[in-house]
């Protein structure tokens, strides 16, 4: 995203191989004006690698899992209400 803080950083900074690198990327993302759209892009496209919208791969998997469970819970409540 051209408006993002990442536009002025090397791409490798957002694809770290260790936890320290993830923290560096998170700090860059923390004040980014397009942090939320960036995260949603990664979630919608199931991007598995790198830091997107300030979230690591593991964090994005957790978000997707939570959303899936919440959607199932709402679907289950809808069936019970009928």
PDB file of N, CA and C in Angstrom:
ATOM      1  N   UNK A   1       0.845  -1.177   0.000  1.00  0.00           N
ATOM      2  CA  UNK A   1       0.000   0.000   0.000  1.00  0.00           C
ATOM      3  C   UNK A   1       0.888   1.237   0.000  1.00  0.00           C
ATOM      4  N   UNK A   2       0.685   2.049  -0.975  1.00  0.00           N
ATOM      5  CA  UNK A   2       1.547   3.217  -1.160  1.00  0.00           C
ATOM      6  C   UNK A   2       1.467   4.210  -0.011  1.00  0.00           C
ATOM      7  N   UNK A   3       0.329   4.247   0.698  1.00  0.00           N
ATOM      8  CA  UNK A   3       0.159   5.204   1.790  1.00  0.00           C
ATOM      9  C   UNK A   3       0.725   4.677   3.105  1.00  0.00           C
ATOM     10  N   UNK A   4       1.130   3.434   3.130  1.00  0.00           N
ATOM     11  CA  UNK A   4       1.574   2.809   4.370  1.00  0.00           C
ATOM     12  C   UNK A   4       2.977   3.198   4.792  1.00  0.00           C
ATOM     13  N   UNK A   5       3.233   3.053   6.077  1.00  0.00           N
ATOM     14  CA  UNK A   5       4.577   3.286   6.602  1.00  0.00           C
ATOM     15  C   UNK A   5       5.585   2.348   5.952  1.00  0.00           C
ATOM     16  N   UNK A   6       5.125   1.204   5.503  1.00  0.00           N
ATOM     17  CA  UNK A   6       6.010   0.201   4.912  1.00  0.00           C
ATOM     18  C   UNK A   6       6.537   0.614   3.537  1.00  0.00           C
ATOM     19  N   UNK A   7       5.901   1.597   2.912  1.00  0.00           N
ATOM     20  CA  UNK A   7       6.303   2.016   1.566  1.00  0.00           C
ATOM     21  C   UNK A   7       7.745   2.521   1.528  1.00  0.00           C
ATOM     22  N   UNK A   8       8.251   2.953   2.668  1.00  0.00           N
ATOM     23  CA  UNK A   8       9.607   3.501   2.729  1.00  0.00           C
ATOM     24  C   UNK A   8      10.583   2.550   3.418  1.00  0.00           C
ATOM     25  N   UNK A   9      10.182   1.307   3.565  1.00  0.00           N
ATOM     26  CA  UNK A   9      11.010   0.299   4.231  1.00  0.00           C
ATOM     27  C   UNK A   9      11.306  -0.835   3.256  1.00  0.00           C
ATOM     28  N   UNK A  10      12.409  -1.534   3.463  1.00  0.00           N
ATOM     29  CA  UNK A  10      12.670  -2.700   2.614  1.00  0.00           C
ATOM     30  C   UNK A  10      11.646  -3.803   2.911  1.00  0.00           C
ATOM     31  N   UNK A  11      11.122  -4.477   1.890  1.00  0.00           N
ATOM     32  CA  UNK A  11      10.133  -5.542   2.112  1.00  0.00           C
ATOM     33  C   UNK A  11      10.608  -6.611   3.092  1.00  0.00           C
ATOM     34  N   UNK A  12      11.900  -6.878   3.098  1.00  0.00           N
ATOM     35  CA  UNK A  12      12.429  -7.920   3.993  1.00  0.00           C
ATOM     36  C   UNK A  12      12.150  -7.609   5.457  1.00  0.00           C
ATOM     37  N   UNK A  13      11.961  -6.349   5.788  1.00  0.00           N
ATOM     38  CA  UNK A  13      11.672  -5.967   7.172  1.00  0.00           C
ATOM     39  C   UNK A  13      10.345  -6.560   7.645  1.00  0.00           C
ATOM     40  N   UNK A  14       9.431  -6.839   6.723  1.00  0.00           N
ATOM     41  CA  UNK A  14       8.108  -7.351   7.077  1.00  0.00           C
ATOM     42  C   UNK A  14       7.983  -8.858   6.890  1.00  0.00           C
ATOM     43  N   UNK A  15       9.102  -9.486   6.566  1.00  0.00           N
ATOM     44  CA  UNK A  15       9.148 -10.941   6.426  1.00  0.00           C
ATOM     45  C   UNK A  15      10.325 -11.471   7.242  1.00  0.00           C
ATOM     46  N   UNK A  16      10.289 -11.206   8.559  1.00  0.00           N
ATOM     47  CA  UNK A  16      11.406 -11.578   9.430  1.00  0.00           C
ATOM     48  C   UNK A  16      11.449 -13.081   9.695  1.00  0.00           C
ATOM     49  N   UNK A  17      12.626 -13.518  10.104  1.00  0.00           N
ATOM     50  CA  UNK A  17      12.781 -14.936  10.430  1.00  0.00           C
ATOM     51  C   UNK A  17      12.859 -15.160  11.938  1.00  0.00           C
ATOM     52  N   UNK A  18      12.674 -14.100  12.716  1.00  0.00           N
ATOM     53  CA  UNK A  18      12.739 -14.254  14.172  1.00  0.00           C
ATOM     54  C   UNK A  18      11.767 -13.292  14.859  1.00  0.00           C
ATOM     55  N   UNK A  19      11.587 -13.493  16.140  1.00  0.00           N
ATOM     56  CA  UNK A  19      10.668 -12.667  16.919  1.00  0.00           C
ATOM     57  C   UNK A  19      11.099 -11.219  17.023  1.00  0.00           C
ATOM     58  N   UNK A  20      12.401 -10.978  17.019  1.00  0.00           N
ATOM     59  CA  UNK A  20      12.900  -9.602  17.094  1.00  0.00           C
ATOM     60  C   UNK A  20      12.473  -8.843  15.847  1.00  0.00           C
ATOM     61  N   UNK A  21      12.588  -9.477  14.701  1.00  0.00           N
ATOM     62  CA  UNK A  21      12.169  -8.849  13.452  1.00  0.00           C
ATOM     63  C   UNK A  21      10.685  -8.553  13.428  1.00  0.00           C
ATOM     64  N   UNK A  22       9.895  -9.439  14.010  1.00  0.00           N
ATOM     65  CA  UNK A  22       8.448  -9.222  14.083  1.00  0.00           C
ATOM     66  C   UNK A  22       8.158  -7.969  14.903  1.00  0.00           C
ATOM     67  N   UNK A  23       8.859  -7.786  15.992  1.00  0.00           N
ATOM     68  CA  UNK A  23       8.648  -6.601  16.837  1.00  0.00           C
ATOM     69  C   UNK A  23       9.016  -5.322  16.102  1.00  0.00           C
ATOM     70  N   UNK A  24      10.084  -5.365  15.317  1.00  0.00           N
ATOM     71  CA  UNK A  24      10.478  -4.189  14.531  1.00  0.00           C
ATOM     72  C   UNK A  24       9.364  -3.839  13.547  1.00  0.00           C
ATOM     73  N   UNK A  25       8.856  -4.828  12.847  1.00  0.00           N
ATOM     74  CA  UNK A  25       7.771  -4.604  11.885  1.00  0.00           C
ATOM     75  C   UNK A  25       6.525  -4.077  12.590  1.00  0.00           C
ATOM     76  N   UNK A  26       6.202  -4.637  13.743  1.00  0.00           N
ATOM     77  CA  UNK A  26       5.028  -4.176  14.506  1.00  0.00           C
ATOM     78  C   UNK A  26       5.139  -2.699  14.869  1.00  0.00           C
ATOM     79  N   UNK A  27       6.335  -2.281  15.266  1.00  0.00           N
ATOM     80  CA  UNK A  27       6.530  -0.872  15.635  1.00  0.00           C
ATOM     81  C   UNK A  27       6.294   0.040  14.430  1.00  0.00           C
ATOM     82  N   UNK A  28       6.715  -0.405  13.263  1.00  0.00           N
ATOM     83  CA  UNK A  28       6.490   0.385  12.049  1.00  0.00           C
ATOM     84  C   UNK A  28       4.992   0.453  11.757  1.00  0.00           C
ATOM     85  N   UNK A  29       4.309  -0.662  11.930  1.00  0.00           N
ATOM     86  CA  UNK A  29       2.868  -0.729  11.652  1.00  0.00           C
ATOM     87  C   UNK A  29       2.024   0.030  12.680  1.00  0.00           C
ATOM     88  N   UNK A  30       2.540   0.192  13.877  1.00  0.00           N
ATOM     89  CA  UNK A  30       1.743   0.743  14.981  1.00  0.00           C
ATOM     90  C   UNK A  30       1.099   2.086  14.652  1.00  0.00           C
ATOM     91  N   UNK A  31       1.793   2.941  13.942  1.00  0.00           N
ATOM     92  CA  UNK A  31       1.257   4.271  13.637  1.00  0.00           C
ATOM     93  C   UNK A  31       0.848   4.411  12.171  1.00  0.00           C
ATOM     94  N   UNK A  32       0.732   3.313  11.491  1.00  0.00           N
ATOM     95  CA  UNK A  32       0.437   3.338  10.060  1.00  0.00           C
ATOM     96  C   UNK A  32      -1.013   3.755   9.795  1.00  0.00           C
ATOM     97  N   UNK A  33      -1.234   4.666   8.853  1.00  0.00           N
ATOM     98  CA  UNK A  33      -2.592   5.114   8.559  1.00  0.00           C
ATOM     99  C   UNK A  33      -3.451   4.067   7.845  1.00  0.00           C
ATOM    100  N   UNK A  34      -2.825   3.031   7.299  1.00  0.00           N
ATOM    101  CA  UNK A  34      -3.596   1.990   6.597  1.00  0.00           C
ATOM    102  C   UNK A  34      -3.431   0.624   7.275  1.00  0.00           C
ATOM    103  N   UNK A  35      -3.201   0.651   8.568  1.00  0.00           N
ATOM    104  CA  UNK A  35      -2.983  -0.589   9.322  1.00  0.00           C
ATOM    105  C   UNK A  35      -4.170  -1.544   9.210  1.00  0.00           C
ATOM    106  N   UNK A  36      -5.379  -1.055   9.429  1.00  0.00           N
ATOM    107  CA  UNK A  36      -6.559  -1.924   9.405  1.00  0.00           C
ATOM    108  C   UNK A  36      -6.835  -2.490   8.010  1.00  0.00           C
ATOM    109  N   UNK A  37      -6.837  -1.654   6.958  1.00  0.00           N
ATOM    110  CA  UNK A  37      -7.054  -2.227   5.619  1.00  0.00           C
ATOM    111  C   UNK A  37      -5.969  -3.227   5.228  1.00  0.00           C
ATOM    112  N   UNK A  38      -4.761  -2.984   5.674  1.00  0.00           N
ATOM    113  CA  UNK A  38      -3.649  -3.896   5.390  1.00  0.00           C
ATOM    114  C   UNK A  38      -3.906  -5.257   6.038  1.00  0.00           C
ATOM    115  N   UNK A  39      -4.307  -5.241   7.299  1.00  0.00           N
ATOM    116  CA  UNK A  39      -4.611  -6.484   8.000  1.00  0.00           C
ATOM    117  C   UNK A  39      -5.773  -7.204   7.331  1.00  0.00           C
ATOM    118  N   UNK A  40      -6.824  -6.483   6.999  1.00  0.00           N
ATOM    119  CA  UNK A  40      -7.983  -7.108   6.351  1.00  0.00           C
ATOM    120  C   UNK A  40      -7.602  -7.716   5.002  1.00  0.00           C
ATOM    121  N   UNK A  41      -6.733  -7.045   4.262  1.00  0.00           N
ATOM    122  CA  UNK A  41      -6.259  -7.573   2.981  1.00  0.00           C
ATOM    123  C   UNK A  41      -5.579  -8.925   3.191  1.00  0.00           C
ATOM    124  N   UNK A  42      -4.693  -8.981   4.186  1.00  0.00           N
ATOM    125  CA  UNK A  42      -3.978 -10.227   4.470  1.00  0.00           C
ATOM    126  C   UNK A  42      -4.935 -11.323   4.917  1.00  0.00           C
ATOM    127  N   UNK A  43      -5.928 -10.981   5.728  1.00  0.00           N
ATOM    128  CA  UNK A  43      -6.895 -11.971   6.200  1.00  0.00           C
ATOM    129  C   UNK A  43      -7.775 -12.470   5.058  1.00  0.00           C
ATOM    130  N   UNK A  44      -8.289 -11.557   4.254  1.00  0.00           N
ATOM    131  CA  UNK A  44      -9.181 -11.930   3.154  1.00  0.00           C
ATOM    132  C   UNK A  44      -8.476 -12.785   2.108  1.00  0.00           C
ATOM    133  N   UNK A  45      -7.185 -12.531   1.911  1.00  0.00           N
ATOM    134  CA  UNK A  45      -6.425 -13.252   0.895  1.00  0.00           C
ATOM    135  C   UNK A  45      -5.617 -14.408   1.468  1.00  0.00           C
ATOM    136  N   UNK A  46      -5.820 -14.676   2.751  1.00  0.00           N
ATOM    137  CA  UNK A  46      -5.152 -15.793   3.434  1.00  0.00           C
ATOM    138  C   UNK A  46      -3.640 -15.781   3.220  1.00  0.00           C
ATOM    139  N   UNK A  47      -3.046 -14.599   3.359  1.00  0.00           N
ATOM    140  CA  UNK A  47      -1.600 -14.473   3.215  1.00  0.00           C
ATOM    141  C   UNK A  47      -0.961 -15.084   4.450  1.00  0.00           C
ATOM    142  N   UNK A  48      -0.109 -16.049   4.227  1.00  0.00           N
ATOM    143  CA  UNK A  48       0.443 -16.826   5.334  1.00  0.00           C
ATOM    144  C   UNK A  48       1.736 -16.268   5.906  1.00  0.00           C
ATOM    145  N   UNK A  49       2.491 -15.511   5.137  1.00  0.00           N
ATOM    146  CA  UNK A  49       3.822 -15.096   5.580  1.00  0.00           C
ATOM    147  C   UNK A  49       3.911 -13.595   5.788  1.00  0.00           C
ATOM    148  N   UNK A  50       4.760 -13.219   6.723  1.00  0.00           N
ATOM    149  CA  UNK A  50       5.045 -11.816   6.949  1.00  0.00           C
ATOM    150  C   UNK A  50       4.158 -11.159   7.988  1.00  0.00           C
ATOM    151  N   UNK A  51       4.491  -9.910   8.261  1.00  0.00           N
ATOM    152  CA  UNK A  51       3.727  -9.080   9.190  1.00  0.00           C
ATOM    153  C   UNK A  51       2.865  -8.144   8.347  1.00  0.00           C
ATOM    154  N   UNK A  52       1.571  -8.207   8.559  1.00  0.00           N
ATOM    155  CA  UNK A  52       0.599  -7.386   7.822  1.00  0.00           C
ATOM    156  C   UNK A  52      -0.312  -6.712   8.834  1.00  0.00           C
ATOM    157  N   UNK A  53      -0.452  -5.412   8.730  1.00  0.00           N
ATOM    158  CA  UNK A  53      -1.313  -4.694   9.666  1.00  0.00           C
ATOM    159  C   UNK A  53      -0.883  -4.868  11.109  1.00  0.00           C
ATOM    160  N   UNK A  54       0.401  -5.081  11.313  1.00  0.00           N
ATOM    161  CA  UNK A  54       0.928  -5.244  12.664  1.00  0.00           C
ATOM    162  C   UNK A  54       0.752  -6.621  13.264  1.00  0.00           C
ATOM    163  N   UNK A  55       0.264  -7.590  12.488  1.00  0.00           N
ATOM    164  CA  UNK A  55       0.020  -8.940  13.007  1.00  0.00           C
ATOM    165  C   UNK A  55       0.917  -9.973  12.327  1.00  0.00           C
ATOM    166  N   UNK A  56       1.428 -10.864  13.129  1.00  0.00           N
ATOM    167  CA  UNK A  56       2.255 -11.958  12.620  1.00  0.00           C
ATOM    168  C   UNK A  56       1.370 -13.046  12.015  1.00  0.00           C
ATOM    169  N   UNK A  57       2.017 -14.037  11.424  1.00  0.00           N
ATOM    170  CA  UNK A  57       1.275 -15.167  10.855  1.00  0.00           C
ATOM    171  C   UNK A  57       0.397 -15.825  11.912  1.00  0.00           C
ATOM    172  N   UNK A  58       0.969 -16.070  13.061  1.00  0.00           N
ATOM    173  CA  UNK A  58       0.244 -16.742  14.149  1.00  0.00           C
ATOM    174  C   UNK A  58      -0.961 -15.914  14.593  1.00  0.00           C
ATOM    175  N   UNK A  59      -0.759 -14.623  14.738  1.00  0.00           N
ATOM    176  CA  UNK A  59      -1.867 -13.757  15.160  1.00  0.00           C
ATOM    177  C   UNK A  59      -2.988 -13.745  14.124  1.00  0.00           C
ATOM    178  N   UNK A  60      -2.626 -13.732  12.850  1.00  0.00           N
ATOM    179  CA  UNK A  60      -3.665 -13.745  11.811  1.00  0.00           C
ATOM    180  C   UNK A  60      -4.421 -15.063  11.812  1.00  0.00           C
ATOM    181  N   UNK A  61      -3.730 -16.167  12.041  1.00  0.00           N
ATOM    182  CA  UNK A  61      -4.430 -17.463  12.140  1.00  0.00           C
ATOM    183  C   UNK A  61      -5.424 -17.437  13.295  1.00  0.00           C
ATOM    184  N   UNK A  62      -5.023 -16.858  14.410  1.00  0.00           N
ATOM    185  CA  UNK A  62      -5.929 -16.763  15.570  1.00  0.00           C
ATOM    186  C   UNK A  62      -7.143 -15.896  15.261  1.00  0.00           C
ATOM    187  N   UNK A  63      -6.928 -14.787  14.582  1.00  0.00           N
ATOM    188  CA  UNK A  63      -8.046 -13.907  14.212  1.00  0.00           C
ATOM    189  C   UNK A  63      -9.018 -14.652  13.315  1.00  0.00           C
ATOM    190  N   UNK A  64      -8.496 -15.349  12.303  1.00  0.00           N
ATOM    191  CA  UNK A  64      -9.364 -16.096  11.387  1.00  0.00           C
ATOM    192  C   UNK A  64     -10.124 -17.193  12.116  1.00  0.00           C
ATOM    193  N   UNK A  65      -9.444 -17.888  13.015  1.00  0.00           N
ATOM    194  CA  UNK A  65     -10.097 -18.951  13.783  1.00  0.00           C
ATOM    195  C   UNK A  65     -11.210 -18.374  14.644  1.00  0.00           C
ATOM    196  N   UNK A  66     -10.932 -17.258  15.316  1.00  0.00           N
ATOM    197  CA  UNK A  66     -11.942 -16.622  16.171  1.00  0.00           C
ATOM    198  C   UNK A  66     -13.143 -16.160  15.344  1.00  0.00           C
ATOM    199  N   UNK A  67     -12.883 -15.572  14.208  1.00  0.00           N
ATOM    200  CA  UNK A  67     -13.987 -15.128  13.345  1.00  0.00           C
ATOM    201  C   UNK A  67     -14.831 -16.307  12.873  1.00  0.00           C
ATOM    202  N   UNK A  68     -14.161 -17.391  12.530  1.00  0.00           N
ATOM    203  CA  UNK A  68     -14.877 -18.589  12.073  1.00  0.00           C
ATOM    204  C   UNK A  68     -15.764 -19.127  13.188  1.00  0.00           C
ATOM    205  N   UNK A  69     -15.226 -19.200  14.400  1.00  0.00           N
ATOM    206  CA  UNK A  69     -16.003 -19.695  15.539  1.00  0.00           C
ATOM    207  C   UNK A  69     -17.164 -18.763  15.865  1.00  0.00           C
ATOM    208  N   UNK A  70     -16.919 -17.459  15.797  1.00  0.00           N
ATOM    209  CA  UNK A  70     -17.998 -16.501  16.061  1.00  0.00           C
ATOM    210  C   UNK A  70     -19.104 -16.639  15.023  1.00  0.00           C
ATOM    211  N   UNK A  71     -18.719 -16.817  13.771  1.00  0.00           N
ATOM    212  CA  UNK A  71     -19.718 -16.976  12.708  1.00  0.00           C
ATOM    213  C   UNK A  71     -20.523 -18.253  12.922  1.00  0.00           C
ATOM    214  N   UNK A  72     -19.868 -19.317  13.347  1.00  0.00           N
ATOM    215  CA  UNK A  72     -20.569 -20.576  13.621  1.00  0.00           C
ATOM    216  C   UNK A  72     -21.503 -20.408  14.805  1.00  0.00           C
ATOM    217  N   UNK A  73     -21.064 -19.680  15.801  1.00  0.00           N
ATOM    218  CA  UNK A  73     -21.904 -19.438  16.971  1.00  0.00           C
ATOM    219  C   UNK A  73     -23.151 -18.666  16.600  1.00  0.00           C
ATOM    220  N   UNK A  74     -22.999 -17.664  15.759  1.00  0.00           N
ATOM    221  CA  UNK A  74     -24.160 -16.894  15.306  1.00  0.00           C
ATOM    222  C   UNK A  74     -25.078 -17.761  14.473  1.00  0.00           C
ATOM    223  N   UNK A  75     -24.499 -18.600  13.629  1.00  0.00           N
ATOM    224  CA  UNK A  75     -25.313 -19.495  12.797  1.00  0.00           C
ATOM    225  C   UNK A  75     -26.066 -20.477  13.686  1.00  0.00           C
ATOM    226  N   UNK A  76     -25.392 -21.000  14.718  1.00  0.00           N
ATOM    227  CA  UNK A  76     -26.040 -21.944  15.629  1.00  0.00           C
ATOM    228  C   UNK A  76     -27.185 -21.270  16.379  1.00  0.00           C
ATOM    229  N   UNK A  77     -26.993 -20.020  16.827  1.00  0.00           N
ATOM    230  CA  UNK A  77     -28.052 -19.297  17.534  1.00  0.00           C
ATOM    231  C   UNK A  77     -29.244 -19.041  16.617  1.00  0.00           C
ATOM    232  N   UNK A  78     -28.967 -18.783  15.357  1.00  0.00           N
ATOM    233  CA  UNK A  78     -30.046 -18.550  14.396  1.00  0.00           C
ATOM    234  C   UNK A  78     -30.892 -19.797  14.235  1.00  0.00           C
ATOM    235  N   UNK A  79     -30.252 -20.962  14.189  1.00  0.00           N
ATOM    236  CA  UNK A  79     -30.988 -22.216  14.046  1.00  0.00           C
ATOM    237  C   UNK A  79     -31.839 -22.499  15.276  1.00  0.00           C
ATOM    238  N   UNK A  80     -31.313 -22.207  16.456  1.00  0.00           N
ATOM    239  CA  UNK A  80     -32.042 -22.451  17.699  1.00  0.00           C
ATOM    240  C   UNK A  80     -33.251 -21.525  17.790  1.00  0.00           C
ATOM    241  N   UNK A  81     -33.123 -20.296  17.310  1.00  0.00           N
ATOM    242  CA  UNK A  81     -34.208 -19.318  17.401  1.00  0.00           C
ATOM    243  C   UNK A  81     -35.396 -19.674  16.511  1.00  0.00           C
ATOM    244  N   UNK A  82     -35.190 -20.500  15.509  1.00  0.00           N
ATOM    245  CA  UNK A  82     -36.288 -20.851  14.588  1.00  0.00           C
ATOM    246  C   UNK A  82     -37.262 -21.763  15.205  1.00  0.00           C
TER     247      UNK A  82
END
